């Protein structure tokens, strides 16, 4: 049986990595090395409560929000209702 604390730690780590990638992707290059512009970015479903990555296809992601589940098959570039 898995230790609940280690499972929670994995979920938190994956969530932090995913959100960091989203924040990085939201910046636009200004043409100057190392400088990015930032703009407000809101996820379609509101706050993300859970994230799952398909182990067989790592570019397939699932997120759970208060509005329901969403799926991406391109590594999070586009999302659709599940």
PDB file of N, CA and C in Angstrom:
ATOM      1  N   UNK A   1       0.838  -1.181   0.000  1.00  0.00           N
ATOM      2  CA  UNK A   1       0.000   0.000   0.000  1.00  0.00           C
ATOM      3  C   UNK A   1       0.886   1.249   0.000  1.00  0.00           C
ATOM      4  N   UNK A   2       0.499   2.228  -0.762  1.00  0.00           N
ATOM      5  CA  UNK A   2       1.277   3.454  -0.877  1.00  0.00           C
ATOM      6  C   UNK A   2       1.081   4.347   0.341  1.00  0.00           C
ATOM      7  N   UNK A   3       2.130   5.041   0.662  1.00  0.00           N
ATOM      8  CA  UNK A   3       2.064   6.010   1.734  1.00  0.00           C
ATOM      9  C   UNK A   3       1.338   7.254   1.217  1.00  0.00           C
ATOM     10  N   UNK A   4       0.293   7.684   1.895  1.00  0.00           N
ATOM     11  CA  UNK A   4      -0.524   8.823   1.437  1.00  0.00           C
ATOM     12  C   UNK A   4       0.295  10.106   1.348  1.00  0.00           C
ATOM     13  N   UNK A   5       1.230  10.288   2.270  1.00  0.00           N
ATOM     14  CA  UNK A   5       2.045  11.508   2.244  1.00  0.00           C
ATOM     15  C   UNK A   5       2.927  11.567   1.004  1.00  0.00           C
ATOM     16  N   UNK A   6       3.493  10.427   0.590  1.00  0.00           N
ATOM     17  CA  UNK A   6       4.353  10.442  -0.594  1.00  0.00           C
ATOM     18  C   UNK A   6       3.524  10.680  -1.852  1.00  0.00           C
ATOM     19  N   UNK A   7       2.304  10.149  -1.915  1.00  0.00           N
ATOM     20  CA  UNK A   7       1.421  10.401  -3.060  1.00  0.00           C
ATOM     21  C   UNK A   7       1.054  11.880  -3.131  1.00  0.00           C
ATOM     22  N   UNK A   8       0.772  12.472  -1.984  1.00  0.00           N
ATOM     23  CA  UNK A   8       0.426  13.892  -1.952  1.00  0.00           C
ATOM     24  C   UNK A   8       1.624  14.735  -2.384  1.00  0.00           C
ATOM     25  N   UNK A   9       2.817  14.363  -1.948  1.00  0.00           N
ATOM     26  CA  UNK A   9       4.024  15.100  -2.330  1.00  0.00           C
ATOM     27  C   UNK A   9       4.242  15.041  -3.835  1.00  0.00           C
ATOM     28  N   UNK A  10       3.986  13.890  -4.443  1.00  0.00           N
ATOM     29  CA  UNK A  10       4.128  13.750  -5.894  1.00  0.00           C
ATOM     30  C   UNK A  10       3.122  14.641  -6.598  1.00  0.00           C
ATOM     31  N   UNK A  11       1.866  14.655  -6.144  1.00  0.00           N
ATOM     32  CA  UNK A  11       0.840  15.505  -6.768  1.00  0.00           C
ATOM     33  C   UNK A  11       1.207  16.980  -6.655  1.00  0.00           C
ATOM     34  N   UNK A  12       1.696  17.391  -5.506  1.00  0.00           N
ATOM     35  CA  UNK A  12       2.079  18.794  -5.313  1.00  0.00           C
ATOM     36  C   UNK A  12       3.252  19.151  -6.217  1.00  0.00           C
ATOM     37  N   UNK A  13       4.252  18.268  -6.294  1.00  0.00           N
ATOM     38  CA  UNK A  13       5.417  18.525  -7.138  1.00  0.00           C
ATOM     39  C   UNK A  13       5.024  18.637  -8.596  1.00  0.00           C
ATOM     40  N   UNK A  14       4.204  17.715  -9.074  1.00  0.00           N
ATOM     41  CA  UNK A  14       3.755  17.754 -10.466  1.00  0.00           C
ATOM     42  C   UNK A  14       2.959  19.027 -10.719  1.00  0.00           C
ATOM     43  N   UNK A  15       2.110  19.413  -9.785  1.00  0.00           N
ATOM     44  CA  UNK A  15       1.325  20.639  -9.942  1.00  0.00           C
ATOM     45  C   UNK A  15       2.199  21.878 -10.028  1.00  0.00           C
ATOM     46  N   UNK A  16       3.221  21.943  -9.189  1.00  0.00           N
ATOM     47  CA  UNK A  16       4.125  23.095  -9.203  1.00  0.00           C
ATOM     48  C   UNK A  16       4.889  23.158 -10.520  1.00  0.00           C
ATOM     49  N   UNK A  17       5.375  22.013 -10.996  1.00  0.00           N
ATOM     50  CA  UNK A  17       6.093  21.977 -12.273  1.00  0.00           C
ATOM     51  C   UNK A  17       5.168  22.403 -13.403  1.00  0.00           C
ATOM     52  N   UNK A  18       3.942  21.901 -13.407  1.00  0.00           N
ATOM     53  CA  UNK A  18       2.980  22.239 -14.457  1.00  0.00           C
ATOM     54  C   UNK A  18       2.667  23.738 -14.451  1.00  0.00           C
ATOM     55  N   UNK A  19       2.391  24.284 -13.289  1.00  0.00           N
ATOM     56  CA  UNK A  19       2.074  25.707 -13.205  1.00  0.00           C
ATOM     57  C   UNK A  19       3.274  26.574 -13.561  1.00  0.00           C
ATOM     58  N   UNK A  20       4.470  26.130 -13.207  1.00  0.00           N
ATOM     59  CA  UNK A  20       5.671  26.872 -13.593  1.00  0.00           C
ATOM     60  C   UNK A  20       5.823  26.893 -15.104  1.00  0.00           C
ATOM     61  N   UNK A  21       5.538  25.759 -15.746  1.00  0.00           N
ATOM     62  CA  UNK A  21       5.612  25.699 -17.211  1.00  0.00           C
ATOM     63  C   UNK A  21       4.577  26.625 -17.839  1.00  0.00           C
ATOM     64  N   UNK A  22       3.379  26.681 -17.261  1.00  0.00           N
ATOM     65  CA  UNK A  22       2.356  27.588 -17.783  1.00  0.00           C
ATOM     66  C   UNK A  22       2.797  29.043 -17.656  1.00  0.00           C
ATOM     67  N   UNK A  23       3.353  29.402 -16.518  1.00  0.00           N
ATOM     68  CA  UNK A  23       3.813  30.776 -16.328  1.00  0.00           C
ATOM     69  C   UNK A  23       4.930  31.119 -17.302  1.00  0.00           C
ATOM     70  N   UNK A  24       5.853  30.189 -17.509  1.00  0.00           N
ATOM     71  CA  UNK A  24       6.940  30.435 -18.447  1.00  0.00           C
ATOM     72  C   UNK A  24       6.386  30.608 -19.851  1.00  0.00           C
ATOM     73  N   UNK A  25       5.407  29.800 -20.231  1.00  0.00           N
ATOM     74  CA  UNK A  25       4.831  29.859 -21.575  1.00  0.00           C
ATOM     75  C   UNK A  25       4.052  31.149 -21.804  1.00  0.00           C
ATOM     76  N   UNK A  26       3.591  31.787 -20.745  1.00  0.00           N
ATOM     77  CA  UNK A  26       2.796  33.006 -20.891  1.00  0.00           C
ATOM     78  C   UNK A  26       3.641  34.238 -21.180  1.00  0.00           C
ATOM     79  N   UNK A  27       4.921  34.150 -20.986  1.00  0.00           N
ATOM     80  CA  UNK A  27       5.781  35.297 -21.269  1.00  0.00           C
ATOM     81  C   UNK A  27       6.047  35.392 -22.764  1.00  0.00           C
ATOM     82  N   UNK A  28       6.118  36.619 -23.264  1.00  0.00           N
ATOM     83  CA  UNK A  28       6.459  36.835 -24.667  1.00  0.00           C
ATOM     84  C   UNK A  28       7.835  37.471 -24.730  1.00  0.00           C
ATOM     85  N   UNK A  29       8.597  37.093 -25.725  1.00  0.00           N
ATOM     86  CA  UNK A  29       9.923  37.665 -25.896  1.00  0.00           C
ATOM     87  C   UNK A  29       9.811  39.129 -26.303  1.00  0.00           C
ATOM     88  N   UNK A  30      10.669  39.982 -25.751  1.00  0.00           N
ATOM     89  CA  UNK A  30      10.680  41.401 -26.101  1.00  0.00           C
ATOM     90  C   UNK A  30      11.732  41.696 -27.158  1.00  0.00           C
ATOM     91  N   UNK A  31      12.469  40.688 -27.585  1.00  0.00           N
ATOM     92  CA  UNK A  31      13.547  40.891 -28.533  1.00  0.00           C
ATOM     93  C   UNK A  31      14.880  41.123 -27.842  1.00  0.00           C
ATOM     94  N   UNK A  32      14.850  41.315 -26.522  1.00  0.00           N
ATOM     95  CA  UNK A  32      16.081  41.476 -25.754  1.00  0.00           C
ATOM     96  C   UNK A  32      16.337  40.180 -24.996  1.00  0.00           C
ATOM     97  N   UNK A  33      17.539  39.646 -25.073  1.00  0.00           N
ATOM     98  CA  UNK A  33      17.834  38.364 -24.424  1.00  0.00           C
ATOM     99  C   UNK A  33      17.498  38.375 -22.932  1.00  0.00           C
ATOM    100  N   UNK A  34      16.793  37.357 -22.484  1.00  0.00           N
ATOM    101  CA  UNK A  34      16.481  37.196 -21.072  1.00  0.00           C
ATOM    102  C   UNK A  34      15.352  38.052 -20.542  1.00  0.00           C
ATOM    103  N   UNK A  35      14.703  38.855 -21.388  1.00  0.00           N
ATOM    104  CA  UNK A  35      13.605  39.713 -20.930  1.00  0.00           C
ATOM    105  C   UNK A  35      12.308  39.243 -21.573  1.00  0.00           C
ATOM    106  N   UNK A  36      11.300  39.043 -20.753  1.00  0.00           N
ATOM    107  CA  UNK A  36      10.006  38.590 -21.251  1.00  0.00           C
ATOM    108  C   UNK A  36       8.923  39.514 -20.721  1.00  0.00           C
ATOM    109  N   UNK A  37       7.887  39.733 -21.512  1.00  0.00           N
ATOM    110  CA  UNK A  37       6.714  40.477 -21.064  1.00  0.00           C
ATOM    111  C   UNK A  37       5.741  39.474 -20.470  1.00  0.00           C
ATOM    112  N   UNK A  38       4.928  39.916 -19.514  1.00  0.00           N
ATOM    113  CA  UNK A  38       3.944  39.040 -18.895  1.00  0.00           C
ATOM    114  C   UNK A  38       2.558  39.617 -19.098  1.00  0.00           C
ATOM    115  N   UNK A  39       1.591  38.744 -19.211  1.00  0.00           N
ATOM    116  CA  UNK A  39       0.213  39.169 -19.336  1.00  0.00           C
ATOM    117  C   UNK A  39      -0.663  38.247 -18.514  1.00  0.00           C
ATOM    118  N   UNK A  40      -1.838  38.728 -18.163  1.00  0.00           N
ATOM    119  CA  UNK A  40      -2.757  37.941 -17.336  1.00  0.00           C
ATOM    120  C   UNK A  40      -3.220  36.719 -18.109  1.00  0.00           C
ATOM    121  N   UNK A  41      -3.225  35.580 -17.431  1.00  0.00           N
ATOM    122  CA  UNK A  41      -3.595  34.322 -18.062  1.00  0.00           C
ATOM    123  C   UNK A  41      -4.568  33.601 -17.145  1.00  0.00           C
ATOM    124  N   UNK A  42      -5.734  33.282 -17.644  1.00  0.00           N
ATOM    125  CA  UNK A  42      -6.710  32.549 -16.848  1.00  0.00           C
ATOM    126  C   UNK A  42      -7.044  31.232 -17.513  1.00  0.00           C
ATOM    127  N   UNK A  43      -7.010  30.158 -16.752  1.00  0.00           N
ATOM    128  CA  UNK A  43      -7.348  28.852 -17.303  1.00  0.00           C
ATOM    129  C   UNK A  43      -8.853  28.773 -17.496  1.00  0.00           C
ATOM    130  N   UNK A  44      -9.275  28.162 -18.574  1.00  0.00           N
ATOM    131  CA  UNK A  44     -10.678  28.042 -18.959  1.00  0.00           C
ATOM    132  C   UNK A  44     -11.570  27.549 -17.823  1.00  0.00           C
ATOM    133  N   UNK A  45     -11.109  26.583 -17.049  1.00  0.00           N
ATOM    134  CA  UNK A  45     -11.946  25.984 -16.026  1.00  0.00           C
ATOM    135  C   UNK A  45     -11.804  26.576 -14.646  1.00  0.00           C
ATOM    136  N   UNK A  46     -11.059  27.649 -14.491  1.00  0.00           N
ATOM    137  CA  UNK A  46     -10.864  28.230 -13.170  1.00  0.00           C
ATOM    138  C   UNK A  46      -9.675  27.603 -12.475  1.00  0.00           C
ATOM    139  N   UNK A  47      -9.731  27.514 -11.168  1.00  0.00           N
ATOM    140  CA  UNK A  47      -8.620  26.985 -10.380  1.00  0.00           C
ATOM    141  C   UNK A  47      -8.437  25.493 -10.638  1.00  0.00           C
ATOM    142  N   UNK A  48      -7.191  25.082 -10.823  1.00  0.00           N
ATOM    143  CA  UNK A  48      -6.878  23.672 -11.065  1.00  0.00           C
ATOM    144  C   UNK A  48      -6.729  22.972  -9.720  1.00  0.00           C
ATOM    145  N   UNK A  49      -7.507  21.896  -9.526  1.00  0.00           N
ATOM    146  CA  UNK A  49      -7.460  21.142  -8.276  1.00  0.00           C
ATOM    147  C   UNK A  49      -6.595  19.899  -8.384  1.00  0.00           C
ATOM    148  N   UNK A  50      -6.505  19.326  -9.575  1.00  0.00           N
ATOM    149  CA  UNK A  50      -5.693  18.123  -9.734  1.00  0.00           C
ATOM    150  C   UNK A  50      -5.139  18.056 -11.150  1.00  0.00           C
ATOM    151  N   UNK A  51      -4.048  17.339 -11.289  1.00  0.00           N
ATOM    152  CA  UNK A  51      -3.381  17.175 -12.570  1.00  0.00           C
ATOM    153  C   UNK A  51      -2.932  15.734 -12.688  1.00  0.00           C
ATOM    154  N   UNK A  52      -3.124  15.142 -13.859  1.00  0.00           N
ATOM    155  CA  UNK A  52      -2.643  13.787 -14.113  1.00  0.00           C
ATOM    156  C   UNK A  52      -1.963  13.761 -15.471  1.00  0.00           C
ATOM    157  N   UNK A  53      -0.864  13.016 -15.544  1.00  0.00           N
ATOM    158  CA  UNK A  53      -0.133  12.838 -16.791  1.00  0.00           C
ATOM    159  C   UNK A  53      -0.254  11.378 -17.186  1.00  0.00           C
ATOM    160  N   UNK A  54      -0.631  11.127 -18.437  1.00  0.00           N
ATOM    161  CA  UNK A  54      -0.759   9.761 -18.939  1.00  0.00           C
ATOM    162  C   UNK A  54       0.639   9.157 -19.050  1.00  0.00           C
ATOM    163  N   UNK A  55       0.954   8.092 -18.283  1.00  0.00           N
ATOM    164  CA  UNK A  55       2.301   7.526 -18.323  1.00  0.00           C
ATOM    165  C   UNK A  55       2.659   6.924 -19.686  1.00  0.00           C
ATOM    166  N   UNK A  56       1.671   6.468 -20.431  1.00  0.00           N
ATOM    167  CA  UNK A  56       1.938   5.891 -21.750  1.00  0.00           C
ATOM    168  C   UNK A  56       2.173   6.969 -22.801  1.00  0.00           C
ATOM    169  N   UNK A  57       1.552   8.133 -22.623  1.00  0.00           N
ATOM    170  CA  UNK A  57       1.680   9.258 -23.553  1.00  0.00           C
ATOM    171  C   UNK A  57       1.869  10.526 -22.724  1.00  0.00           C
ATOM    172  N   UNK A  58       3.103  10.884 -22.380  1.00  0.00           N
ATOM    173  CA  UNK A  58       3.342  12.020 -21.480  1.00  0.00           C
ATOM    174  C   UNK A  58       2.830  13.371 -21.975  1.00  0.00           C
ATOM    175  N   UNK A  59       2.515  13.498 -23.251  1.00  0.00           N
ATOM    176  CA  UNK A  59       1.960  14.767 -23.739  1.00  0.00           C
ATOM    177  C   UNK A  59       0.457  14.856 -23.507  1.00  0.00           C
ATOM    178  N   UNK A  60      -0.144  13.778 -23.005  1.00  0.00           N
ATOM    179  CA  UNK A  60      -1.568  13.795 -22.673  1.00  0.00           C
ATOM    180  C   UNK A  60      -1.722  14.127 -21.193  1.00  0.00           C
ATOM    181  N   UNK A  61      -2.380  15.258 -20.932  1.00  0.00           N
ATOM    182  CA  UNK A  61      -2.561  15.756 -19.573  1.00  0.00           C
ATOM    183  C   UNK A  61      -4.042  15.868 -19.257  1.00  0.00           C
ATOM    184  N   UNK A  62      -4.382  15.662 -18.005  1.00  0.00           N
ATOM    185  CA  UNK A  62      -5.748  15.829 -17.532  1.00  0.00           C
ATOM    186  C   UNK A  62      -5.709  16.762 -16.328  1.00  0.00           C
ATOM    187  N   UNK A  63      -6.658  17.704 -16.256  1.00  0.00           N
ATOM    188  CA  UNK A  63      -6.773  18.546 -15.067  1.00  0.00           C
ATOM    189  C   UNK A  63      -8.214  18.514 -14.576  1.00  0.00           C
ATOM    190  N   UNK A  64      -8.356  18.619 -13.276  1.00  0.00           N
ATOM    191  CA  UNK A  64      -9.671  18.713 -12.663  1.00  0.00           C
ATOM    192  C   UNK A  64      -9.856  20.109 -12.104  1.00  0.00           C
ATOM    193  N   UNK A  65     -10.963  20.741 -12.439  1.00  0.00           N
ATOM    194  CA  UNK A  65     -11.274  22.082 -11.955  1.00  0.00           C
ATOM    195  C   UNK A  65     -12.662  22.060 -11.345  1.00  0.00           C
ATOM    196  N   UNK A  66     -13.067  23.165 -10.756  1.00  0.00           N
ATOM    197  CA  UNK A  66     -14.410  23.232 -10.179  1.00  0.00           C
ATOM    198  C   UNK A  66     -15.478  23.225 -11.263  1.00  0.00           C
ATOM    199  N   UNK A  67     -15.101  23.458 -12.530  1.00  0.00           N
ATOM    200  CA  UNK A  67     -16.062  23.386 -13.640  1.00  0.00           C
ATOM    201  C   UNK A  67     -16.074  22.031 -14.336  1.00  0.00           C
ATOM    202  N   UNK A  68     -15.163  21.139 -13.957  1.00  0.00           N
ATOM    203  CA  UNK A  68     -15.113  19.821 -14.582  1.00  0.00           C
ATOM    204  C   UNK A  68     -13.708  19.455 -15.012  1.00  0.00           C
ATOM    205  N   UNK A  69     -13.615  18.391 -15.816  1.00  0.00           N
ATOM    206  CA  UNK A  69     -12.324  17.901 -16.266  1.00  0.00           C
ATOM    207  C   UNK A  69     -11.969  18.412 -17.649  1.00  0.00           C
ATOM    208  N   UNK A  70     -10.671  18.601 -17.880  1.00  0.00           N
ATOM    209  CA  UNK A  70     -10.173  19.047 -19.172  1.00  0.00           C
ATOM    210  C   UNK A  70      -9.005  18.165 -19.573  1.00  0.00           C
ATOM    211  N   UNK A  71      -8.811  18.030 -20.890  1.00  0.00           N
ATOM    212  CA  UNK A  71      -7.770  17.152 -21.420  1.00  0.00           C
ATOM    213  C   UNK A  71      -6.960  17.894 -22.475  1.00  0.00           C
ATOM    214  N   UNK A  72      -5.658  17.655 -22.471  1.00  0.00           N
ATOM    215  CA  UNK A  72      -4.769  18.181 -23.506  1.00  0.00           C
ATOM    216  C   UNK A  72      -3.988  17.010 -24.079  1.00  0.00           C
ATOM    217  N   UNK A  73      -3.893  16.941 -25.388  1.00  0.00           N
ATOM    218  CA  UNK A  73      -3.108  15.882 -26.026  1.00  0.00           C
ATOM    219  C   UNK A  73      -1.822  16.430 -26.636  1.00  0.00           C
ATOM    220  N   UNK A  74      -1.548  17.715 -26.422  1.00  0.00           N
ATOM    221  CA  UNK A  74      -0.348  18.331 -26.998  1.00  0.00           C
ATOM    222  C   UNK A  74       0.532  18.987 -25.928  1.00  0.00           C
ATOM    223  N   UNK A  75       0.578  18.375 -24.762  1.00  0.00           N
ATOM    224  CA  UNK A  75       1.450  18.870 -23.705  1.00  0.00           C
ATOM    225  C   UNK A  75       0.982  20.134 -23.020  1.00  0.00           C
ATOM    226  N   UNK A  76      -0.298  20.471 -23.146  1.00  0.00           N
ATOM    227  CA  UNK A  76      -0.849  21.637 -22.467  1.00  0.00           C
ATOM    228  C   UNK A  76      -0.983  22.869 -23.330  1.00  0.00           C
ATOM    229  N   UNK A  77      -0.661  22.758 -24.622  1.00  0.00           N
ATOM    230  CA  UNK A  77      -0.801  23.914 -25.509  1.00  0.00           C
ATOM    231  C   UNK A  77      -2.272  24.246 -25.714  1.00  0.00           C
ATOM    232  N   UNK A  78      -3.085  23.237 -25.967  1.00  0.00           N
ATOM    233  CA  UNK A  78      -4.531  23.432 -26.122  1.00  0.00           C
ATOM    234  C   UNK A  78      -5.261  22.490 -25.175  1.00  0.00           C
ATOM    235  N   UNK A  79      -6.467  22.902 -24.775  1.00  0.00           N
ATOM    236  CA  UNK A  79      -7.268  22.125 -23.829  1.00  0.00           C
ATOM    237  C   UNK A  79      -8.694  21.994 -24.339  1.00  0.00           C
ATOM    238  N   UNK A  80      -9.322  20.877 -24.007  1.00  0.00           N
ATOM    239  CA  UNK A  80     -10.724  20.673 -24.341  1.00  0.00           C
ATOM    240  C   UNK A  80     -11.434  20.010 -23.176  1.00  0.00           C
ATOM    241  N   UNK A  81     -12.748  20.182 -23.132  1.00  0.00           N
ATOM    242  CA  UNK A  81     -13.534  19.532 -22.074  1.00  0.00           C
ATOM    243  C   UNK A  81     -13.410  18.029 -22.241  1.00  0.00           C
ATOM    244  N   UNK A  82     -13.302  17.334 -21.139  1.00  0.00           N
ATOM    245  CA  UNK A  82     -13.143  15.884 -21.181  1.00  0.00           C
ATOM    246  C   UNK A  82     -14.488  15.230 -21.189  1.00  0.00           C
TER     247      UNK A  82
END
